Amino acid sequence: MGQGICKCVEDESGTSASLDVTSVPVLQDQGKGSQATFMGGILEGPWLRKGDNVFLGTIKENKMTWVPGFNHPPCDLTEADSLRVSIFLEGKMHSGVVSKSGAETSICWSDGEVWYKKTD
């Protein structure tokens, strides 16, 4: 994780503005009966770091697979509840809040770094 600051939205002047966040509940995977998928599947896909738009890697199921430049092995994500996840990275446990604002899904991590899911 890094040196980012949890500043989710900026207005036209470049100053911080408020963020209207919609909670993202865990959904049941209809194809597997009562077995739930990790975070309802909303985290699956490519992730970038907010601020510098660096591609970090891809989340599939509950695993973050980093791009080779980060020199990290794949990391397991743990679901704390329907809005929070955690990841053990570089000897530290980081917790994050999952949010959805419009079409953007993001994770605001306890160290201030913000990731967002790339959409097509």
N, C-alpha and C. Protein backbone atom coordinates (compact mmCIF):
# COMPACT_ATOMS: atom_id res chain seq x y z
N MET A 1 0.87 -1.14 0.00
CA MET A 1 0.00 0.00 0.00
C MET A 1 0.92 1.21 0.00
N GLY A 2 0.35 2.36 -0.03
CA GLY A 2 1.26 3.43 -0.33
C GLY A 2 1.07 4.72 0.38
N GLN A 3 1.40 5.75 -0.35
CA GLN A 3 1.46 7.07 0.22
C GLN A 3 0.24 7.89 -0.13
N GLY A 4 -0.80 7.27 -0.64
CA GLY A 4 -1.99 8.01 -1.06
C GLY A 4 -2.74 8.61 0.10
N ILE A 5 -3.54 9.57 -0.19
CA ILE A 5 -4.39 10.21 0.80
C ILE A 5 -5.82 9.93 0.41
N CYS A 6 -6.65 9.60 1.38
CA CYS A 6 -8.04 9.28 1.09
C CYS A 6 -8.79 10.56 0.74
N LYS A 7 -8.74 10.90 -0.52
CA LYS A 7 -9.42 12.08 -1.03
C LYS A 7 -10.18 11.58 -2.26
N CYS A 8 -11.42 11.22 -2.05
CA CYS A 8 -12.15 10.48 -3.07
C CYS A 8 -12.65 11.33 -4.23
N VAL A 9 -12.94 12.59 -4.00
CA VAL A 9 -13.49 13.43 -5.06
C VAL A 9 -12.89 14.82 -4.96
N GLU A 10 -12.57 15.40 -6.09
CA GLU A 10 -12.14 16.79 -6.12
C GLU A 10 -13.11 17.58 -6.99
N ASP A 11 -13.34 18.84 -6.63
CA ASP A 11 -14.15 19.68 -7.49
C ASP A 11 -13.26 20.32 -8.55
N GLU A 12 -13.81 21.19 -9.38
CA GLU A 12 -13.07 21.80 -10.49
C GLU A 12 -11.85 22.58 -10.04
N SER A 13 -11.85 23.11 -8.83
CA SER A 13 -10.74 23.91 -8.35
C SER A 13 -9.60 23.05 -7.79
N GLY A 14 -9.81 21.72 -7.72
CA GLY A 14 -8.78 20.84 -7.20
C GLY A 14 -8.83 20.65 -5.70
N THR A 15 -9.85 21.21 -5.04
CA THR A 15 -9.96 21.02 -3.60
C THR A 15 -10.89 19.85 -3.32
N SER A 16 -10.76 19.31 -2.12
CA SER A 16 -11.58 18.17 -1.75
C SER A 16 -13.05 18.55 -1.71
N ALA A 17 -13.86 17.60 -2.09
CA ALA A 17 -15.30 17.78 -2.03
C ALA A 17 -15.89 16.53 -1.40
N SER A 18 -17.15 16.59 -1.02
CA SER A 18 -17.77 15.44 -0.38
C SER A 18 -18.09 14.36 -1.39
N LEU A 19 -18.24 13.15 -0.88
CA LEU A 19 -18.53 12.00 -1.73
C LEU A 19 -19.82 11.38 -1.26
N ASP A 20 -20.75 11.22 -2.17
CA ASP A 20 -22.01 10.55 -1.87
C ASP A 20 -21.81 9.08 -2.19
N VAL A 21 -21.73 8.26 -1.15
CA VAL A 21 -21.40 6.86 -1.32
C VAL A 21 -22.63 6.01 -1.09
N THR A 22 -22.85 5.08 -2.00
CA THR A 22 -23.93 4.12 -1.87
C THR A 22 -23.35 2.83 -1.31
N SER A 23 -23.97 2.29 -0.28
CA SER A 23 -23.47 1.05 0.29
C SER A 23 -23.63 -0.09 -0.71
N VAL A 24 -22.73 -1.04 -0.61
CA VAL A 24 -22.70 -2.15 -1.55
C VAL A 24 -22.89 -3.44 -0.77
N PRO A 25 -24.09 -4.00 -0.72
CA PRO A 25 -24.31 -5.21 0.06
C PRO A 25 -23.75 -6.44 -0.64
N VAL A 26 -23.45 -7.46 0.15
CA VAL A 26 -23.03 -8.74 -0.41
C VAL A 26 -24.25 -9.40 -1.01
N LEU A 27 -24.10 -9.88 -2.23
CA LEU A 27 -25.20 -10.51 -2.94
C LEU A 27 -24.98 -12.00 -3.04
N GLN A 28 -26.05 -12.75 -3.10
CA GLN A 28 -25.95 -14.18 -3.28
C GLN A 28 -25.69 -14.50 -4.73
N ASP A 29 -24.86 -15.49 -5.01
CA ASP A 29 -24.61 -15.98 -6.36
C ASP A 29 -25.75 -16.92 -6.70
N GLN A 30 -26.62 -16.48 -7.58
CA GLN A 30 -27.81 -17.25 -7.91
C GLN A 30 -27.48 -18.59 -8.54
N GLY A 31 -26.33 -18.71 -9.21
CA GLY A 31 -25.97 -19.94 -9.87
C GLY A 31 -25.51 -21.03 -8.92
N LYS A 32 -25.20 -20.70 -7.69
CA LYS A 32 -24.68 -21.68 -6.74
C LYS A 32 -25.58 -21.85 -5.53
N GLY A 33 -26.84 -21.57 -5.67
CA GLY A 33 -27.76 -21.76 -4.56
C GLY A 33 -27.50 -20.79 -3.44
N SER A 34 -27.29 -21.31 -2.23
CA SER A 34 -27.13 -20.43 -1.07
C SER A 34 -25.68 -20.03 -0.81
N GLN A 35 -24.73 -20.51 -1.62
CA GLN A 35 -23.33 -20.15 -1.42
C GLN A 35 -23.07 -18.74 -1.98
N ALA A 36 -22.57 -17.85 -1.13
CA ALA A 36 -22.31 -16.47 -1.55
C ALA A 36 -20.93 -16.36 -2.19
N THR A 37 -20.81 -15.48 -3.19
CA THR A 37 -19.50 -15.19 -3.76
C THR A 37 -18.85 -14.10 -2.93
N PHE A 38 -17.54 -13.98 -3.05
CA PHE A 38 -16.81 -12.98 -2.29
C PHE A 38 -17.30 -11.58 -2.65
N MET A 39 -17.80 -10.85 -1.68
CA MET A 39 -18.31 -9.48 -1.84
C MET A 39 -19.33 -9.38 -2.98
N GLY A 40 -20.04 -10.45 -3.22
CA GLY A 40 -21.05 -10.44 -4.27
C GLY A 40 -20.47 -10.32 -5.67
N GLY A 41 -19.17 -10.49 -5.81
CA GLY A 41 -18.51 -10.40 -7.10
C GLY A 41 -18.21 -8.99 -7.56
N ILE A 42 -18.56 -7.98 -6.78
CA ILE A 42 -18.37 -6.59 -7.22
C ILE A 42 -16.92 -6.16 -7.32
N LEU A 43 -16.00 -6.90 -6.66
CA LEU A 43 -14.60 -6.50 -6.69
C LEU A 43 -13.83 -7.15 -7.83
N GLU A 44 -14.41 -8.11 -8.50
CA GLU A 44 -13.68 -8.83 -9.55
C GLU A 44 -13.39 -7.92 -10.74
N GLY A 45 -12.11 -7.91 -11.13
CA GLY A 45 -11.70 -7.12 -12.28
C GLY A 45 -10.40 -6.39 -12.01
N PRO A 46 -9.98 -5.55 -12.97
CA PRO A 46 -8.72 -4.80 -12.84
C PRO A 46 -8.88 -3.59 -11.92
N TRP A 47 -7.81 -3.31 -11.14
CA TRP A 47 -7.82 -2.21 -10.17
C TRP A 47 -6.66 -1.26 -10.40
N LEU A 48 -6.95 0.04 -10.21
CA LEU A 48 -5.96 1.09 -10.36
C LEU A 48 -5.91 1.92 -9.08
N ARG A 49 -4.79 2.63 -8.88
CA ARG A 49 -4.65 3.52 -7.73
C ARG A 49 -5.15 4.89 -8.12
N LYS A 50 -6.00 5.45 -7.29
CA LYS A 50 -6.53 6.79 -7.54
C LYS A 50 -5.43 7.81 -7.33
N GLY A 51 -5.42 8.82 -8.15
CA GLY A 51 -4.43 9.89 -8.05
C GLY A 51 -3.44 9.81 -9.18
N ASP A 52 -2.76 8.65 -9.32
CA ASP A 52 -1.80 8.51 -10.41
C ASP A 52 -2.23 7.48 -11.45
N ASN A 53 -3.37 6.83 -11.23
CA ASN A 53 -3.96 5.86 -12.16
C ASN A 53 -3.03 4.70 -12.51
N VAL A 54 -2.17 4.32 -11.58
CA VAL A 54 -1.27 3.18 -11.79
C VAL A 54 -2.08 1.89 -11.71
N PHE A 55 -1.90 1.02 -12.72
CA PHE A 55 -2.56 -0.28 -12.72
C PHE A 55 -1.89 -1.16 -11.67
N LEU A 56 -2.66 -1.66 -10.71
CA LEU A 56 -2.13 -2.44 -9.59
C LEU A 56 -2.19 -3.93 -9.84
N GLY A 57 -3.29 -4.39 -10.39
CA GLY A 57 -3.48 -5.81 -10.60
C GLY A 57 -4.95 -6.13 -10.74
N THR A 58 -5.27 -7.41 -10.59
CA THR A 58 -6.63 -7.88 -10.82
C THR A 58 -7.11 -8.69 -9.62
N ILE A 59 -8.35 -8.43 -9.23
CA ILE A 59 -8.98 -9.23 -8.18
C ILE A 59 -9.87 -10.26 -8.86
N LYS A 60 -9.67 -11.50 -8.48
CA LYS A 60 -10.54 -12.59 -8.93
C LYS A 60 -10.88 -13.41 -7.70
N GLU A 61 -12.20 -13.62 -7.50
CA GLU A 61 -12.71 -14.25 -6.29
C GLU A 61 -12.21 -13.44 -5.11
N ASN A 62 -11.38 -13.99 -4.24
CA ASN A 62 -10.89 -13.22 -3.09
C ASN A 62 -9.39 -13.02 -3.13
N LYS A 63 -8.80 -12.98 -4.33
CA LYS A 63 -7.35 -12.89 -4.45
C LYS A 63 -6.95 -11.72 -5.35
N MET A 64 -6.00 -10.91 -4.86
CA MET A 64 -5.42 -9.83 -5.64
C MET A 64 -4.13 -10.36 -6.26
N THR A 65 -4.08 -10.36 -7.59
CA THR A 65 -2.88 -10.74 -8.32
C THR A 65 -2.25 -9.46 -8.84
N TRP A 66 -1.07 -9.15 -8.35
CA TRP A 66 -0.38 -7.89 -8.65
C TRP A 66 0.28 -7.94 -10.01
N VAL A 67 0.43 -6.78 -10.64
CA VAL A 67 1.23 -6.70 -11.86
C VAL A 67 2.68 -7.00 -11.47
N PRO A 68 3.48 -7.54 -12.39
CA PRO A 68 4.84 -7.95 -12.05
C PRO A 68 5.72 -6.86 -11.44
N GLY A 69 5.55 -5.62 -11.79
CA GLY A 69 6.40 -4.55 -11.28
C GLY A 69 6.34 -4.34 -9.78
N PHE A 70 5.30 -4.83 -9.13
CA PHE A 70 5.17 -4.66 -7.68
C PHE A 70 5.91 -5.73 -6.88
N ASN A 71 6.29 -6.80 -7.53
CA ASN A 71 7.03 -7.88 -6.87
C ASN A 71 6.34 -8.41 -5.62
N HIS A 72 5.02 -8.52 -5.66
CA HIS A 72 4.24 -9.10 -4.56
C HIS A 72 3.63 -10.40 -5.04
N PRO A 73 3.63 -11.42 -4.20
CA PRO A 73 2.86 -12.61 -4.56
C PRO A 73 1.37 -12.29 -4.45
N PRO A 74 0.52 -13.11 -5.05
CA PRO A 74 -0.93 -12.87 -4.90
C PRO A 74 -1.31 -12.82 -3.42
N CYS A 75 -2.25 -11.94 -3.09
CA CYS A 75 -2.70 -11.75 -1.71
C CYS A 75 -4.18 -12.07 -1.58
N ASP A 76 -4.53 -12.73 -0.48
CA ASP A 76 -5.93 -13.00 -0.20
C ASP A 76 -6.59 -11.77 0.40
N LEU A 77 -7.79 -11.49 -0.05
CA LEU A 77 -8.63 -10.46 0.55
C LEU A 77 -9.62 -11.17 1.47
N THR A 78 -9.90 -10.57 2.61
CA THR A 78 -10.85 -11.14 3.55
C THR A 78 -12.03 -10.19 3.68
N GLU A 79 -13.22 -10.75 3.66
CA GLU A 79 -14.44 -9.96 3.78
C GLU A 79 -14.78 -9.80 5.26
N ALA A 80 -14.71 -8.57 5.76
CA ALA A 80 -15.05 -8.31 7.16
C ALA A 80 -16.56 -8.23 7.34
N ASP A 81 -17.21 -7.53 6.45
CA ASP A 81 -18.67 -7.47 6.38
C ASP A 81 -19.03 -7.00 4.98
N SER A 82 -20.26 -6.61 4.75
CA SER A 82 -20.69 -6.28 3.39
C SER A 82 -20.07 -5.01 2.83
N LEU A 83 -19.36 -4.24 3.65
CA LEU A 83 -18.74 -3.00 3.19
C LEU A 83 -17.24 -2.92 3.45
N ARG A 84 -16.66 -3.91 4.13
CA ARG A 84 -15.26 -3.82 4.51
C ARG A 84 -14.49 -5.08 4.12
N VAL A 85 -13.25 -4.87 3.66
CA VAL A 85 -12.34 -5.95 3.33
C VAL A 85 -11.00 -5.69 4.01
N SER A 86 -10.18 -6.73 4.07
CA SER A 86 -8.83 -6.55 4.58
C SER A 86 -7.87 -7.35 3.71
N ILE A 87 -6.60 -6.92 3.73
CA ILE A 87 -5.54 -7.57 2.96
C ILE A 87 -4.26 -7.50 3.78
N PHE A 88 -3.50 -8.60 3.79
CA PHE A 88 -2.23 -8.63 4.49
C PHE A 88 -1.15 -8.40 3.45
N LEU A 89 -0.40 -7.31 3.59
CA LEU A 89 0.58 -6.91 2.58
C LEU A 89 1.78 -6.28 3.26
N GLU A 90 2.96 -6.69 2.87
CA GLU A 90 4.22 -6.16 3.40
C GLU A 90 4.26 -6.19 4.93
N GLY A 91 3.80 -7.29 5.50
CA GLY A 91 3.85 -7.48 6.94
C GLY A 91 2.81 -6.74 7.74
N LYS A 92 1.84 -6.12 7.08
CA LYS A 92 0.81 -5.35 7.78
C LYS A 92 -0.58 -5.74 7.27
N MET A 93 -1.54 -5.70 8.19
CA MET A 93 -2.93 -5.90 7.82
C MET A 93 -3.53 -4.53 7.51
N HIS A 94 -4.14 -4.41 6.34
CA HIS A 94 -4.80 -3.17 5.92
C HIS A 94 -6.29 -3.46 5.80
N SER A 95 -7.11 -2.53 6.29
CA SER A 95 -8.55 -2.67 6.13
C SER A 95 -9.03 -1.60 5.16
N GLY A 96 -10.08 -1.93 4.44
CA GLY A 96 -10.61 -1.00 3.45
C GLY A 96 -12.12 -0.98 3.44
N VAL A 97 -12.65 0.17 3.09
CA VAL A 97 -14.10 0.34 2.96
C VAL A 97 -14.44 0.35 1.48
N VAL A 98 -15.33 -0.55 1.10
CA VAL A 98 -15.78 -0.65 -0.29
C VAL A 98 -16.95 0.29 -0.48
N SER A 99 -16.90 1.07 -1.56
CA SER A 99 -18.01 1.98 -1.85
C SER A 99 -18.28 2.00 -3.34
N LYS A 100 -19.46 2.45 -3.65
CA LYS A 100 -19.87 2.58 -5.05
C LYS A 100 -20.54 3.93 -5.19
N SER A 101 -20.03 4.73 -6.13
CA SER A 101 -20.61 6.03 -6.42
C SER A 101 -20.82 6.09 -7.91
N GLY A 102 -22.06 6.07 -8.35
CA GLY A 102 -22.34 5.98 -9.77
C GLY A 102 -21.85 4.66 -10.29
N ALA A 103 -21.06 4.69 -11.35
CA ALA A 103 -20.52 3.46 -11.94
C ALA A 103 -19.19 3.04 -11.32
N GLU A 104 -18.61 3.87 -10.44
CA GLU A 104 -17.28 3.58 -9.91
C GLU A 104 -17.34 2.82 -8.58
N THR A 105 -16.62 1.71 -8.53
CA THR A 105 -16.43 0.96 -7.30
C THR A 105 -15.03 1.28 -6.80
N SER A 106 -14.90 1.58 -5.51
CA SER A 106 -13.59 1.93 -4.97
C SER A 106 -13.39 1.29 -3.60
N ILE A 107 -12.14 1.23 -3.20
CA ILE A 107 -11.77 0.79 -1.85
C ILE A 107 -10.89 1.88 -1.27
N CYS A 108 -11.30 2.42 -0.12
CA CYS A 108 -10.50 3.42 0.59
C CYS A 108 -9.82 2.69 1.74
N TRP A 109 -8.49 2.53 1.64
CA TRP A 109 -7.73 1.73 2.58
C TRP A 109 -7.34 2.51 3.83
N SER A 110 -7.07 1.78 4.91
CA SER A 110 -6.74 2.38 6.20
C SER A 110 -5.48 3.22 6.17
N ASP A 111 -4.60 3.01 5.19
CA ASP A 111 -3.39 3.83 5.10
C ASP A 111 -3.60 5.07 4.23
N GLY A 112 -4.85 5.27 3.75
CA GLY A 112 -5.17 6.45 2.96
C GLY A 112 -5.17 6.22 1.47
N GLU A 113 -4.63 5.10 1.01
CA GLU A 113 -4.61 4.83 -0.42
C GLU A 113 -6.02 4.47 -0.89
N VAL A 114 -6.34 4.90 -2.11
CA VAL A 114 -7.66 4.60 -2.68
C VAL A 114 -7.45 3.85 -4.00
N TRP A 115 -8.12 2.73 -4.14
CA TRP A 115 -8.13 1.97 -5.38
C TRP A 115 -9.48 2.13 -6.04
N TYR A 116 -9.50 2.09 -7.37
CA TYR A 116 -10.78 2.05 -8.06
C TYR A 116 -10.75 0.98 -9.13
N LYS A 117 -11.92 0.41 -9.35
CA LYS A 117 -12.04 -0.67 -10.33
C LYS A 117 -12.19 -0.08 -11.72
N LYS A 118 -11.37 -0.58 -12.64
CA LYS A 118 -11.43 -0.11 -14.02
C LYS A 118 -12.71 -0.63 -14.66
N THR A 119 -13.40 0.28 -15.33
CA THR A 119 -14.60 -0.10 -16.07
C THR A 119 -14.36 0.15 -17.54
N ASP A 120 -15.07 -0.59 -18.36
CA ASP A 120 -14.91 -0.43 -19.82
C ASP A 120 -15.57 0.83 -20.33
